[in-house]
Amino acid sequence: MSALALAGCTGSGADVSRDTFAPVYNGIETRLLDGDLVNFRVSMTGARTQADVDQYARCAAAQYTLIRGYGFTRHVRTTAAQEGATWTGDAVFVISPALPAGSRTIDAEVTVADCGQSGIPTV
């Protein structure tokens, strides 16, 4: 009887979709809003949830921070929308040469390395 119970524990459709995650990153638009405040607009298809869009924006912000010669960024906000298979994100970050105050700070160098290992493109 326990063999029958275990037979029901084999892979499900949810497991298959995680294994076949193949996002397409459609691009990043960057706009300097004011001094150290930067807006990133990202677009992708194949996102599983808004978290994938958030991570794409985070990767863009981290690389942009390094390009500007800074080491840290702080997430301010992200809004995301889905239309069909395409997800878009509109995110705002503050870039900083030193660790900024707040709980949503990002070490840009570490984040860019993580993004590269995950196959997420940056700016």
PDB file of N, CA and C in Angstrom:
ATOM      1  N   MET A   1       0.822  -1.191   0.000  1.00  0.00           N
ATOM      2  CA  MET A   1       0.000   0.000   0.000  1.00  0.00           C
ATOM      3  C   MET A   1       0.870   1.260   0.000  1.00  0.00           C
ATOM      4  N   SER A   2       2.013   1.211   0.717  1.00  0.00           N
ATOM      5  CA  SER A   2       2.874   2.390   0.744  1.00  0.00           C
ATOM      6  C   SER A   2       3.478   2.664  -0.628  1.00  0.00           C
ATOM      7  N   ALA A   3       3.663   1.634  -1.438  1.00  0.00           N
ATOM      8  CA  ALA A   3       4.166   1.854  -2.798  1.00  0.00           C
ATOM      9  C   ALA A   3       3.165   2.639  -3.614  1.00  0.00           C
ATOM     10  N   LEU A   4       1.880   2.401  -3.414  1.00  0.00           N
ATOM     11  CA  LEU A   4       0.850   3.169  -4.120  1.00  0.00           C
ATOM     12  C   LEU A   4       0.835   4.610  -3.646  1.00  0.00           C
ATOM     13  N   ALA A   5       1.022   4.828  -2.355  1.00  0.00           N
ATOM     14  CA  ALA A   5       1.044   6.183  -1.819  1.00  0.00           C
ATOM     15  C   ALA A   5       2.223   6.955  -2.405  1.00  0.00           C
ATOM     16  N   LEU A   6       3.385   6.316  -2.512  1.00  0.00           N
ATOM     17  CA  LEU A   6       4.556   6.984  -3.083  1.00  0.00           C
ATOM     18  C   LEU A   6       4.410   7.222  -4.575  1.00  0.00           C
ATOM     19  N   ALA A   7       3.681   6.375  -5.255  1.00  0.00           N
ATOM     20  CA  ALA A   7       3.480   6.549  -6.693  1.00  0.00           C
ATOM     21  C   ALA A   7       2.784   7.861  -6.978  1.00  0.00           C
ATOM     22  N   GLY A   8       1.943   8.318  -6.073  1.00  0.00           N
ATOM     23  CA  GLY A   8       1.261   9.598  -6.255  1.00  0.00           C
ATOM     24  C   GLY A   8       2.163  10.786  -6.013  1.00  0.00           C
ATOM     25  N   CYS A   9       3.373  10.578  -5.516  1.00  0.00           N
ATOM     26  CA  CYS A   9       4.293  11.673  -5.201  1.00  0.00           C
ATOM     27  C   CYS A   9       5.254  11.985  -6.334  1.00  0.00           C
ATOM     28  N   THR A  10       5.107  11.345  -7.464  1.00  0.00           N
ATOM     29  CA  THR A  10       6.004  11.621  -8.579  1.00  0.00           C
ATOM     30  C   THR A  10       5.685  12.983  -9.162  1.00  0.00           C
ATOM     31  N   GLY A  11       6.490  13.442 -10.104  1.00  0.00           N
ATOM     32  CA  GLY A  11       6.385  14.777 -10.679  1.00  0.00           C
ATOM     33  C   GLY A  11       4.987  15.174 -11.089  1.00  0.00           C
ATOM     34  N   SER A  12       4.719  16.470 -10.940  1.00  0.00           N
ATOM     35  CA  SER A  12       3.430  17.019 -11.351  1.00  0.00           C
ATOM     36  C   SER A  12       3.664  18.043 -12.446  1.00  0.00           C
ATOM     37  N   GLY A  13       2.617  18.587 -12.985  1.00  0.00           N
ATOM     38  CA  GLY A  13       2.730  19.614 -14.019  1.00  0.00           C
ATOM     39  C   GLY A  13       3.501  20.825 -13.533  1.00  0.00           C
ATOM     40  N   ALA A  14       3.366  21.165 -12.220  1.00  0.00           N
ATOM     41  CA  ALA A  14       4.083  22.314 -11.667  1.00  0.00           C
ATOM     42  C   ALA A  14       5.590  22.086 -11.721  1.00  0.00           C
ATOM     43  N   ASP A  15       6.026  20.860 -11.448  1.00  0.00           N
ATOM     44  CA  ASP A  15       7.454  20.564 -11.501  1.00  0.00           C
ATOM     45  C   ASP A  15       7.991  20.715 -12.913  1.00  0.00           C
ATOM     46  N   VAL A  16       7.222  20.284 -13.894  1.00  0.00           N
ATOM     47  CA  VAL A  16       7.646  20.365 -15.289  1.00  0.00           C
ATOM     48  C   VAL A  16       7.812  21.813 -15.709  1.00  0.00           C
ATOM     49  N   SER A  17       6.886  22.712 -15.317  1.00  0.00           N
ATOM     50  CA  SER A  17       6.984  24.111 -15.726  1.00  0.00           C
ATOM     51  C   SER A  17       8.217  24.774 -15.115  1.00  0.00           C
ATOM     52  N   ARG A  18       8.591  24.400 -13.884  1.00  0.00           N
ATOM     53  CA  ARG A  18       9.804  24.957 -13.290  1.00  0.00           C
ATOM     54  C   ARG A  18      11.031  24.502 -14.062  1.00  0.00           C
ATOM     55  N   ASP A  19      11.023  23.259 -14.492  1.00  0.00           N
ATOM     56  CA  ASP A  19      12.160  22.722 -15.214  1.00  0.00           C
ATOM     57  C   ASP A  19      12.311  23.340 -16.601  1.00  0.00           C
ATOM     58  N   THR A  20      11.230  23.797 -17.191  1.00  0.00           N
ATOM     59  CA  THR A  20      11.259  24.324 -18.546  1.00  0.00           C
ATOM     60  C   THR A  20      11.192  25.857 -18.571  1.00  0.00           C
ATOM     61  N   PHE A  21      11.530  26.504 -17.471  1.00  0.00           N
ATOM     62  CA  PHE A  21      11.528  27.963 -17.407  1.00  0.00           C
ATOM     63  C   PHE A  21      12.523  28.496 -18.433  1.00  0.00           C
ATOM     64  N   ALA A  22      12.007  29.185 -19.437  1.00  0.00           N
ATOM     65  CA  ALA A  22      12.846  29.713 -20.511  1.00  0.00           C
ATOM     66  C   ALA A  22      12.403  31.130 -20.846  1.00  0.00           C
ATOM     67  N   PRO A  23      12.733  32.086 -19.983  1.00  0.00           N
ATOM     68  CA  PRO A  23      12.297  33.463 -20.227  1.00  0.00           C
ATOM     69  C   PRO A  23      13.014  34.096 -21.412  1.00  0.00           C
ATOM     70  N   VAL A  24      12.352  35.059 -22.002  1.00  0.00           N
ATOM     71  CA  VAL A  24      12.948  35.876 -23.057  1.00  0.00           C
ATOM     72  C   VAL A  24      12.957  37.303 -22.526  1.00  0.00           C
ATOM     73  N   TYR A  25      14.150  37.878 -22.413  1.00  0.00           N
ATOM     74  CA  TYR A  25      14.307  39.225 -21.882  1.00  0.00           C
ATOM     75  C   TYR A  25      14.272  40.195 -23.060  1.00  0.00           C
ATOM     76  N   ASN A  26      13.232  41.007 -23.106  1.00  0.00           N
ATOM     77  CA  ASN A  26      12.971  41.852 -24.268  1.00  0.00           C
ATOM     78  C   ASN A  26      13.642  43.219 -24.228  1.00  0.00           C
ATOM     79  N   GLY A  27      14.244  43.575 -23.118  1.00  0.00           N
ATOM     80  CA  GLY A  27      14.960  44.839 -23.098  1.00  0.00           C
ATOM     81  C   GLY A  27      14.740  45.644 -21.842  1.00  0.00           C
ATOM     82  N   ILE A  28      15.648  46.602 -21.683  1.00  0.00           N
ATOM     83  CA  ILE A  28      15.665  47.468 -20.507  1.00  0.00           C
ATOM     84  C   ILE A  28      15.738  48.910 -20.993  1.00  0.00           C
ATOM     85  N   GLU A  29      14.915  49.754 -20.445  1.00  0.00           N
ATOM     86  CA  GLU A  29      14.983  51.196 -20.697  1.00  0.00           C
ATOM     87  C   GLU A  29      15.355  51.865 -19.382  1.00  0.00           C
ATOM     88  N   THR A  30      16.380  52.684 -19.407  1.00  0.00           N
ATOM     89  CA  THR A  30      16.878  53.342 -18.204  1.00  0.00           C
ATOM     90  C   THR A  30      16.688  54.847 -18.326  1.00  0.00           C
ATOM     91  N   ARG A  31      16.165  55.459 -17.255  1.00  0.00           N
ATOM     92  CA  ARG A  31      16.009  56.924 -17.235  1.00  0.00           C
ATOM     93  C   ARG A  31      16.492  57.466 -15.899  1.00  0.00           C
ATOM     94  N   LEU A  32      17.423  58.406 -15.958  1.00  0.00           N
ATOM     95  CA  LEU A  32      17.876  59.085 -14.758  1.00  0.00           C
ATOM     96  C   LEU A  32      16.804  60.107 -14.394  1.00  0.00           C
ATOM     97  N   LEU A  33      16.222  59.969 -13.208  1.00  0.00           N
ATOM     98  CA  LEU A  33      15.129  60.853 -12.806  1.00  0.00           C
ATOM     99  C   LEU A  33      15.643  62.114 -12.132  1.00  0.00           C
ATOM    100  N   ASP A  34      16.555  61.943 -11.171  1.00  0.00           N
ATOM    101  CA  ASP A  34      17.058  63.096 -10.446  1.00  0.00           C
ATOM    102  C   ASP A  34      18.291  62.694  -9.655  1.00  0.00           C
ATOM    103  N   GLY A  35      19.447  63.093 -10.091  1.00  0.00           N
ATOM    104  CA  GLY A  35      20.679  62.800  -9.371  1.00  0.00           C
ATOM    105  C   GLY A  35      20.952  61.325  -9.224  1.00  0.00           C
ATOM    106  N   ASP A  36      20.546  60.766  -8.100  1.00  0.00           N
ATOM    107  CA  ASP A  36      20.817  59.357  -7.827  1.00  0.00           C
ATOM    108  C   ASP A  36      19.563  58.485  -7.907  1.00  0.00           C
ATOM    109  N   LEU A  37      18.460  59.028  -8.378  1.00  0.00           N
ATOM    110  CA  LEU A  37      17.200  58.302  -8.522  1.00  0.00           C
ATOM    111  C   LEU A  37      17.036  57.866  -9.978  1.00  0.00           C
ATOM    112  N   VAL A  38      16.905  56.540 -10.199  1.00  0.00           N
ATOM    113  CA  VAL A  38      16.897  55.994 -11.555  1.00  0.00           C
ATOM    114  C   VAL A  38      15.677  55.094 -11.760  1.00  0.00           C
ATOM    115  N   ASN A  39      15.068  55.236 -12.938  1.00  0.00           N
ATOM    116  CA  ASN A  39      13.907  54.434 -13.326  1.00  0.00           C
ATOM    117  C   ASN A  39      14.341  53.397 -14.356  1.00  0.00           C
ATOM    118  N   PHE A  40      13.883  52.168 -14.164  1.00  0.00           N
ATOM    119  CA  PHE A  40      14.171  51.075 -15.093  1.00  0.00           C
ATOM    120  C   PHE A  40      12.847  50.495 -15.552  1.00  0.00           C
ATOM    121  N   ARG A  41      12.679  50.409 -16.859  1.00  0.00           N
ATOM    122  CA  ARG A  41      11.505  49.751 -17.427  1.00  0.00           C
ATOM    123  C   ARG A  41      12.001  48.507 -18.145  1.00  0.00           C
ATOM    124  N   VAL A  42      11.443  47.362 -17.769  1.00  0.00           N
ATOM    125  CA  VAL A  42      11.859  46.085 -18.337  1.00  0.00           C
ATOM    126  C   VAL A  42      10.664  45.389 -18.956  1.00  0.00           C
ATOM    127  N   SER A  43      10.959  44.517 -19.909  1.00  0.00           N
ATOM    128  CA  SER A  43       9.917  43.729 -20.570  1.00  0.00           C
ATOM    129  C   SER A  43      10.454  42.328 -20.792  1.00  0.00           C
ATOM    130  N   MET A  44       9.598  41.344 -20.536  1.00  0.00           N
ATOM    131  CA  MET A  44      10.010  39.962 -20.741  1.00  0.00           C
ATOM    132  C   MET A  44       8.803  39.082 -21.013  1.00  0.00           C
ATOM    133  N   THR A  45       9.044  37.983 -21.696  1.00  0.00           N
ATOM    134  CA  THR A  45       8.021  36.962 -21.870  1.00  0.00           C
ATOM    135  C   THR A  45       8.523  35.702 -21.185  1.00  0.00           C
ATOM    136  N   GLY A  46       7.592  34.879 -20.779  1.00  0.00           N
ATOM    137  CA  GLY A  46       7.950  33.637 -20.118  1.00  0.00           C
ATOM    138  C   GLY A  46       8.177  33.761 -18.632  1.00  0.00           C
ATOM    139  N   ALA A  47       7.841  34.910 -18.043  1.00  0.00           N
ATOM    140  CA  ALA A  47       7.979  35.061 -16.596  1.00  0.00           C
ATOM    141  C   ALA A  47       6.964  34.160 -15.900  1.00  0.00           C
ATOM    142  N   ARG A  48       7.377  33.583 -14.784  1.00  0.00           N
ATOM    143  CA  ARG A  48       6.472  32.728 -14.012  1.00  0.00           C
ATOM    144  C   ARG A  48       5.570  33.566 -13.127  1.00  0.00           C
ATOM    145  N   THR A  49       6.149  34.585 -12.522  1.00  0.00           N
ATOM    146  CA  THR A  49       5.410  35.479 -11.627  1.00  0.00           C
ATOM    147  C   THR A  49       6.059  36.861 -11.700  1.00  0.00           C
ATOM    148  N   GLN A  50       5.500  37.788 -10.950  1.00  0.00           N
ATOM    149  CA  GLN A  50       6.072  39.130 -10.886  1.00  0.00           C
ATOM    150  C   GLN A  50       7.488  39.089 -10.314  1.00  0.00           C
ATOM    151  N   ALA A  51       7.798  38.104  -9.516  1.00  0.00           N
ATOM    152  CA  ALA A  51       9.140  38.002  -8.937  1.00  0.00           C
ATOM    153  C   ALA A  51      10.218  37.920 -10.017  1.00  0.00           C
ATOM    154  N   ASP A  52       9.921  37.270 -11.138  1.00  0.00           N
ATOM    155  CA  ASP A  52      10.890  37.201 -12.241  1.00  0.00           C
ATOM    156  C   ASP A  52      11.117  38.580 -12.846  1.00  0.00           C
ATOM    157  N   VAL A  53      10.068  39.362 -12.966  1.00  0.00           N
ATOM    158  CA  VAL A  53      10.172  40.728 -13.492  1.00  0.00           C
ATOM    159  C   VAL A  53      10.965  41.587 -12.509  1.00  0.00           C
ATOM    160  N   ASP A  54      10.672  41.442 -11.224  1.00  0.00           N
ATOM    161  CA  ASP A  54      11.397  42.181 -10.192  1.00  0.00           C
ATOM    162  C   ASP A  54      12.893  41.884 -10.253  1.00  0.00           C
ATOM    163  N   GLN A  55      13.239  40.618 -10.436  1.00  0.00           N
ATOM    164  CA  GLN A  55      14.645  40.235 -10.487  1.00  0.00           C
ATOM    165  C   GLN A  55      15.345  40.808 -11.723  1.00  0.00           C
ATOM    166  N   TYR A  56      14.653  40.841 -12.839  1.00  0.00           N
ATOM    167  CA  TYR A  56      15.206  41.428 -14.067  1.00  0.00           C
ATOM    168  C   TYR A  56      15.520  42.904 -13.838  1.00  0.00           C
ATOM    169  N   ALA A  57      14.596  43.637 -13.214  1.00  0.00           N
ATOM    170  CA  ALA A  57      14.819  45.056 -12.919  1.00  0.00           C
ATOM    171  C   ALA A  57      15.965  45.230 -11.929  1.00  0.00           C
ATOM    172  N   ARG A  58      16.043  44.354 -10.948  1.00  0.00           N
ATOM    173  CA  ARG A  58      17.111  44.403  -9.950  1.00  0.00           C
ATOM    174  C   ARG A  58      18.480  44.203 -10.611  1.00  0.00           C
ATOM    175  N   CYS A  59      18.551  43.277 -11.553  1.00  0.00           N
ATOM    176  CA  CYS A  59      19.806  43.041 -12.275  1.00  0.00           C
ATOM    177  C   CYS A  59      20.207  44.269 -13.097  1.00  0.00           C
ATOM    178  N   ALA A  60      19.225  44.888 -13.744  1.00  0.00           N
ATOM    179  CA  ALA A  60      19.492  46.100 -14.523  1.00  0.00           C
ATOM    180  C   ALA A  60      20.009  47.210 -13.622  1.00  0.00           C
ATOM    181  N   ALA A  61      19.371  47.382 -12.478  1.00  0.00           N
ATOM    182  CA  ALA A  61      19.774  48.439 -11.545  1.00  0.00           C
ATOM    183  C   ALA A  61      21.180  48.197 -11.005  1.00  0.00           C
ATOM    184  N   ALA A  62      21.502  46.962 -10.702  1.00  0.00           N
ATOM    185  CA  ALA A  62      22.827  46.653 -10.164  1.00  0.00           C
ATOM    186  C   ALA A  62      23.926  46.967 -11.180  1.00  0.00           C
ATOM    187  N   GLN A  63      23.726  46.569 -12.433  1.00  0.00           N
ATOM    188  CA  GLN A  63      24.739  46.840 -13.462  1.00  0.00           C
ATOM    189  C   GLN A  63      24.864  48.337 -13.717  1.00  0.00           C
ATOM    190  N   TYR A  64      23.746  49.036 -13.787  1.00  0.00           N
ATOM    191  CA  TYR A  64      23.761  50.482 -14.003  1.00  0.00           C
ATOM    192  C   TYR A  64      24.542  51.167 -12.868  1.00  0.00           C
ATOM    193  N   THR A  65      24.336  50.690 -11.656  1.00  0.00           N
ATOM    194  CA  THR A  65      25.031  51.244 -10.496  1.00  0.00           C
ATOM    195  C   THR A  65      26.540  51.120 -10.670  1.00  0.00           C
ATOM    196  N   LEU A  66      26.993  49.955 -11.113  1.00  0.00           N
ATOM    197  CA  LEU A  66      28.431  49.759 -11.345  1.00  0.00           C
ATOM    198  C   LEU A  66      28.946  50.642 -12.473  1.00  0.00           C
ATOM    199  N   ILE A  67      28.159  50.770 -13.535  1.00  0.00           N
ATOM    200  CA  ILE A  67      28.550  51.614 -14.669  1.00  0.00           C
ATOM    201  C   ILE A  67      28.765  53.059 -14.216  1.00  0.00           C
ATOM    202  N   ARG A  68      27.925  53.521 -13.304  1.00  0.00           N
ATOM    203  CA  ARG A  68      28.031  54.896 -12.797  1.00  0.00           C
ATOM    204  C   ARG A  68      29.142  55.054 -11.764  1.00  0.00           C
ATOM    205  N   GLY A  69      29.845  53.956 -11.441  1.00  0.00           N
ATOM    206  CA  GLY A  69      30.951  54.035 -10.498  1.00  0.00           C
ATOM    207  C   GLY A  69      30.537  53.917  -9.045  1.00  0.00           C
ATOM    208  N   TYR A  70      29.315  53.490  -8.795  1.00  0.00           N
ATOM    209  CA  TYR A  70      28.817  53.324  -7.434  1.00  0.00           C
ATOM    210  C   TYR A  70      28.818  51.845  -7.068  1.00  0.00           C
ATOM    211  N   GLY A  71      28.647  51.563  -5.794  1.00  0.00           N
ATOM    212  CA  GLY A  71      28.687  50.181  -5.347  1.00  0.00           C
ATOM    213  C   GLY A  71      27.375  49.630  -4.820  1.00  0.00           C
ATOM    214  N   PHE A  72      26.413  50.519  -4.560  1.00  0.00           N
ATOM    215  CA  PHE A  72      25.188  50.066  -3.917  1.00  0.00           C
ATOM    216  C   PHE A  72      23.961  50.730  -4.534  1.00  0.00           C
ATOM    217  N   THR A  73      22.850  50.070  -4.363  1.00  0.00           N
ATOM    218  CA  THR A  73      21.577  50.631  -4.787  1.00  0.00           C
ATOM    219  C   THR A  73      20.519  50.234  -3.771  1.00  0.00           C
ATOM    220  N   ARG A  74      19.455  51.007  -3.713  1.00  0.00           N
ATOM    221  CA  ARG A  74      18.334  50.702  -2.824  1.00  0.00           C
ATOM    222  C   ARG A  74      17.054  50.703  -3.636  1.00  0.00           C
ATOM    223  N   HIS A  75      16.301  49.644  -3.503  1.00  0.00           N
ATOM    224  CA  HIS A  75      15.029  49.505  -4.217  1.00  0.00           C
ATOM    225  C   HIS A  75      13.999  50.436  -3.590  1.00  0.00           C
ATOM    226  N   VAL A  76      13.325  51.215  -4.419  1.00  0.00           N
ATOM    227  CA  VAL A  76      12.270  52.116  -3.947  1.00  0.00           C
ATOM    228  C   VAL A  76      10.906  51.493  -4.196  1.00  0.00           C
ATOM    229  N   ARG A  77      10.654  51.112  -5.462  1.00  0.00           N
ATOM    230  CA  ARG A  77       9.372  50.493  -5.795  1.00  0.00           C
ATOM    231  C   ARG A  77       9.436  49.829  -7.160  1.00  0.00           C
ATOM    232  N   THR A  78       8.575  48.840  -7.358  1.00  0.00           N
ATOM    233  CA  THR A  78       8.399  48.205  -8.660  1.00  0.00           C
ATOM    234  C   THR A  78       6.917  47.941  -8.866  1.00  0.00           C
ATOM    235  N   THR A  79       6.438  48.306 -10.037  1.00  0.00           N
ATOM    236  CA  THR A  79       5.090  47.914 -10.438  1.00  0.00           C
ATOM    237  C   THR A  79       5.244  47.023 -11.665  1.00  0.00           C
ATOM    238  N   ALA A  80       4.366  46.050 -11.771  1.00  0.00           N
ATOM    239  CA  ALA A  80       4.437  45.120 -12.905  1.00  0.00           C
ATOM    240  C   ALA A  80       3.044  44.903 -13.459  1.00  0.00           C
ATOM    241  N   ALA A  81       2.999  44.592 -14.741  1.00  0.00           N
ATOM    242  CA  ALA A  81       1.734  44.299 -15.410  1.00  0.00           C
ATOM    243  C   ALA A  81       1.975  43.179 -16.405  1.00  0.00           C
ATOM    244  N   GLN A  82       0.927  42.423 -16.645  1.00  0.00           N
ATOM    245  CA  GLN A  82       1.014  41.334 -17.606  1.00  0.00           C
ATOM    246  C   GLN A  82      -0.062  41.525 -18.657  1.00  0.00           C
ATOM    247  N   GLU A  83       0.352  41.445 -19.914  1.00  0.00           N
ATOM    248  CA  GLU A  83      -0.578  41.490 -21.041  1.00  0.00           C
ATOM    249  C   GLU A  83      -0.250  40.310 -21.932  1.00  0.00           C
ATOM    250  N   GLY A  84      -1.113  39.319 -21.901  1.00  0.00           N
ATOM    251  CA  GLY A  84      -0.823  38.081 -22.621  1.00  0.00           C
ATOM    252  C   GLY A  84       0.387  37.416 -21.999  1.00  0.00           C
ATOM    253  N   ALA A  85       1.351  37.065 -22.814  1.00  0.00           N
ATOM    254  CA  ALA A  85       2.563  36.408 -22.318  1.00  0.00           C
ATOM    255  C   ALA A  85       3.650  37.407 -21.929  1.00  0.00           C
ATOM    256  N   THR A  86       3.416  38.686 -22.176  1.00  0.00           N
ATOM    257  CA  THR A  86       4.434  39.703 -21.917  1.00  0.00           C
ATOM    258  C   THR A  86       4.211  40.378 -20.566  1.00  0.00           C
ATOM    259  N   TRP A  87       5.248  40.422 -19.786  1.00  0.00           N
ATOM    260  CA  TRP A  87       5.259  41.129 -18.514  1.00  0.00           C
ATOM    261  C   TRP A  87       6.106  42.384 -18.677  1.00  0.00           C
ATOM    262  N   THR A  88       5.676  43.475 -18.070  1.00  0.00           N
ATOM    263  CA  THR A  88       6.473  44.694 -18.034  1.00  0.00           C
ATOM    264  C   THR A  88       6.640  45.113 -16.578  1.00  0.00           C
ATOM    265  N   GLY A  89       7.756  45.730 -16.312  1.00  0.00           N
ATOM    266  CA  GLY A  89       8.025  46.230 -14.970  1.00  0.00           C
ATOM    267  C   GLY A  89       8.521  47.656 -15.036  1.00  0.00           C
ATOM    268  N   ASP A  90       8.133  48.442 -14.055  1.00  0.00           N
ATOM    269  CA  ASP A  90       8.553  49.835 -13.926  1.00  0.00           C
ATOM    270  C   ASP A  90       9.105  49.972 -12.512  1.00  0.00           C
ATOM    271  N   ALA A  91      10.431  50.083 -12.405  1.00  0.00           N
ATOM    272  CA  ALA A  91      11.087  50.070 -11.098  1.00  0.00           C
ATOM    273  C   ALA A  91      11.901  51.336 -10.886  1.00  0.00           C
ATOM    274  N   VAL A  92      12.008  51.738  -9.628  1.00  0.00           N
ATOM    275  CA  VAL A  92      12.810  52.894  -9.264  1.00  0.00           C
ATOM    276  C   VAL A  92      13.795  52.462  -8.183  1.00  0.00           C
ATOM    277  N   PHE A  93      15.043  52.882  -8.374  1.00  0.00           N
ATOM    278  CA  PHE A  93      16.116  52.578  -7.433  1.00  0.00           C
ATOM    279  C   PHE A  93      16.901  53.850  -7.160  1.00  0.00           C
ATOM    280  N   VAL A  94      17.524  53.918  -5.987  1.00  0.00           N
ATOM    281  CA  VAL A  94      18.464  54.982  -5.644  1.00  0.00           C
ATOM    282  C   VAL A  94      19.851  54.359  -5.703  1.00  0.00           C
ATOM    283  N   ILE A  95      20.766  54.961  -6.458  1.00  0.00           N
ATOM    284  CA  ILE A  95      22.135  54.457  -6.535  1.00  0.00           C
ATOM    285  C   ILE A  95      23.000  55.249  -5.563  1.00  0.00           C
ATOM    286  N   SER A  96      24.031  54.592  -5.022  1.00  0.00           N
ATOM    287  CA  SER A  96      24.817  55.222  -3.968  1.00  0.00           C
ATOM    288  C   SER A  96      26.239  54.677  -3.945  1.00  0.00           C
ATOM    289  N   PRO A  97      27.228  55.541  -3.651  1.00  0.00           N
ATOM    290  CA  PRO A  97      28.605  55.060  -3.534  1.00  0.00           C
ATOM    291  C   PRO A  97      28.833  54.287  -2.227  1.00  0.00           C
ATOM    292  N   ALA A  98      28.027  54.544  -1.216  1.00  0.00           N
ATOM    293  CA  ALA A  98      28.138  53.867   0.085  1.00  0.00           C
ATOM    294  C   ALA A  98      26.819  53.169   0.390  1.00  0.00           C
ATOM    295  N   LEU A  99      26.859  52.247   1.312  1.00  0.00           N
ATOM    296  CA  LEU A  99      25.665  51.500   1.676  1.00  0.00           C
ATOM    297  C   LEU A  99      24.581  52.465   2.158  1.00  0.00           C
ATOM    298  N   PRO A 100      23.471  52.560   1.424  1.00  0.00           N
ATOM    299  CA  PRO A 100      22.416  53.493   1.818  1.00  0.00           C
ATOM    300  C   PRO A 100      21.601  52.954   2.990  1.00  0.00           C
ATOM    301  N   ALA A 101      20.908  53.846   3.650  1.00  0.00           N
ATOM    302  CA  ALA A 101      20.016  53.445   4.738  1.00  0.00           C
ATOM    303  C   ALA A 101      18.829  52.690   4.148  1.00  0.00           C
ATOM    304  N   GLY A 102      18.255  51.837   4.943  1.00  0.00           N
ATOM    305  CA  GLY A 102      17.067  51.114   4.496  1.00  0.00           C
ATOM    306  C   GLY A 102      17.302  49.618   4.471  1.00  0.00           C
ATOM    307  N   SER A 103      16.206  48.893   4.380  1.00  0.00           N
ATOM    308  CA  SER A 103      16.292  47.439   4.431  1.00  0.00           C
ATOM    309  C   SER A 103      16.337  46.797   3.051  1.00  0.00           C
ATOM    310  N   ARG A 104      16.120  47.567   2.004  1.00  0.00           N
ATOM    311  CA  ARG A 104      16.073  46.994   0.660  1.00  0.00           C
ATOM    312  C   ARG A 104      17.303  47.396  -0.146  1.00  0.00           C
ATOM    313  N   THR A 105      18.466  47.297   0.499  1.00  0.00           N
ATOM    314  CA  THR A 105      19.715  47.677  -0.155  1.00  0.00           C
ATOM    315  C   THR A 105      20.291  46.493  -0.922  1.00  0.00           C
ATOM    316  N   ILE A 106      21.056  46.826  -1.945  1.00  0.00           N
ATOM    317  CA  ILE A 106      21.609  45.826  -2.850  1.00  0.00           C
ATOM    318  C   ILE A 106      23.091  46.122  -3.051  1.00  0.00           C
ATOM    319  N   ASP A 107      23.926  45.123  -2.855  1.00  0.00           N
ATOM    320  CA  ASP A 107      25.341  45.218  -3.194  1.00  0.00           C
ATOM    321  C   ASP A 107      25.426  44.951  -4.693  1.00  0.00           C
ATOM    322  N   ALA A 108      25.741  45.968  -5.464  1.00  0.00           N
ATOM    323  CA  ALA A 108      25.677  45.876  -6.926  1.00  0.00           C
ATOM    324  C   ALA A 108      26.607  44.819  -7.491  1.00  0.00           C
ATOM    325  N   GLU A 109      27.823  44.736  -6.999  1.00  0.00           N
ATOM    326  CA  GLU A 109      28.792  43.784  -7.544  1.00  0.00           C
ATOM    327  C   GLU A 109      28.342  42.338  -7.319  1.00  0.00           C
ATOM    328  N   VAL A 110      27.864  42.034  -6.133  1.00  0.00           N
ATOM    329  CA  VAL A 110      27.387  40.683  -5.816  1.00  0.00           C
ATOM    330  C   VAL A 110      26.155  40.352  -6.659  1.00  0.00           C
ATOM    331  N   THR A 111      25.255  41.307  -6.796  1.00  0.00           N
ATOM    332  CA  THR A 111      24.025  41.084  -7.549  1.00  0.00           C
ATOM    333  C   THR A 111      24.307  40.848  -9.028  1.00  0.00           C
ATOM    334  N   VAL A 112      25.198  41.615  -9.619  1.00  0.00           N
ATOM    335  CA  VAL A 112      25.544  41.423 -11.034  1.00  0.00           C
ATOM    336  C   VAL A 112      26.146  40.037 -11.246  1.00  0.00           C
ATOM    337  N   ALA A 113      26.979  39.589 -10.332  1.00  0.00           N
ATOM    338  CA  ALA A 113      27.558  38.246 -10.445  1.00  0.00           C
ATOM    339  C   ALA A 113      26.459  37.182 -10.373  1.00  0.00           C
ATOM    340  N   ASP A 114      25.530  37.356  -9.445  1.00  0.00           N
ATOM    341  CA  ASP A 114      24.407  36.415  -9.320  1.00  0.00           C
ATOM    342  C   ASP A 114      23.555  36.409 -10.585  1.00  0.00           C
ATOM    343  N   CYS A 115      23.317  37.570 -11.140  1.00  0.00           N
ATOM    344  CA  CYS A 115      22.514  37.681 -12.361  1.00  0.00           C
ATOM    345  C   CYS A 115      23.204  36.947 -13.514  1.00  0.00           C
ATOM    346  N   GLY A 116      24.503  37.110 -13.626  1.00  0.00           N
ATOM    347  CA  GLY A 116      25.251  36.422 -14.675  1.00  0.00           C
ATOM    348  C   GLY A 116      25.165  34.907 -14.537  1.00  0.00           C
ATOM    349  N   GLN A 117      25.260  34.415 -13.327  1.00  0.00           N
ATOM    350  CA  GLN A 117      25.165  32.974 -13.085  1.00  0.00           C
ATOM    351  C   GLN A 117      23.757  32.461 -13.387  1.00  0.00           C
ATOM    352  N   SER A 118      22.751  33.328 -13.199  1.00  0.00           N
ATOM    353  CA  SER A 118      21.359  32.941 -13.439  1.00  0.00           C
ATOM    354  C   SER A 118      20.932  33.159 -14.889  1.00  0.00           C
ATOM    355  N   GLY A 119      21.811  33.789 -15.681  1.00  0.00           N
ATOM    356  CA  GLY A 119      21.491  34.038 -17.084  1.00  0.00           C
ATOM    357  C   GLY A 119      20.568  35.219 -17.310  1.00  0.00           C
ATOM    358  N   ILE A 120      20.483  36.102 -16.325  1.00  0.00           N
ATOM    359  CA  ILE A 120      19.636  37.296 -16.455  1.00  0.00           C
ATOM    360  C   ILE A 120      20.497  38.440 -16.985  1.00  0.00           C
ATOM    361  N   PRO A 121      20.117  39.028 -18.111  1.00  0.00           N
ATOM    362  CA  PRO A 121      20.920  40.110 -18.680  1.00  0.00           C
ATOM    363  C   PRO A 121      20.832  41.383 -17.840  1.00  0.00           C
ATOM    364  N   THR A 122      21.846  42.229 -17.997  1.00  0.00           N
ATOM    365  CA  THR A 122      21.878  43.527 -17.317  1.00  0.00           C
ATOM    366  C   THR A 122      21.984  44.612 -18.378  1.00  0.00           C
ATOM    367  N   VAL A 123      22.093  45.823 -17.930  1.00  0.00           N
ATOM    368  CA  VAL A 123      22.142  46.982 -18.837  1.00  0.00           C
ATOM    369  C   VAL A 123      23.307  46.828 -19.807  1.00  0.00           C
TER     370      VAL A 123
END
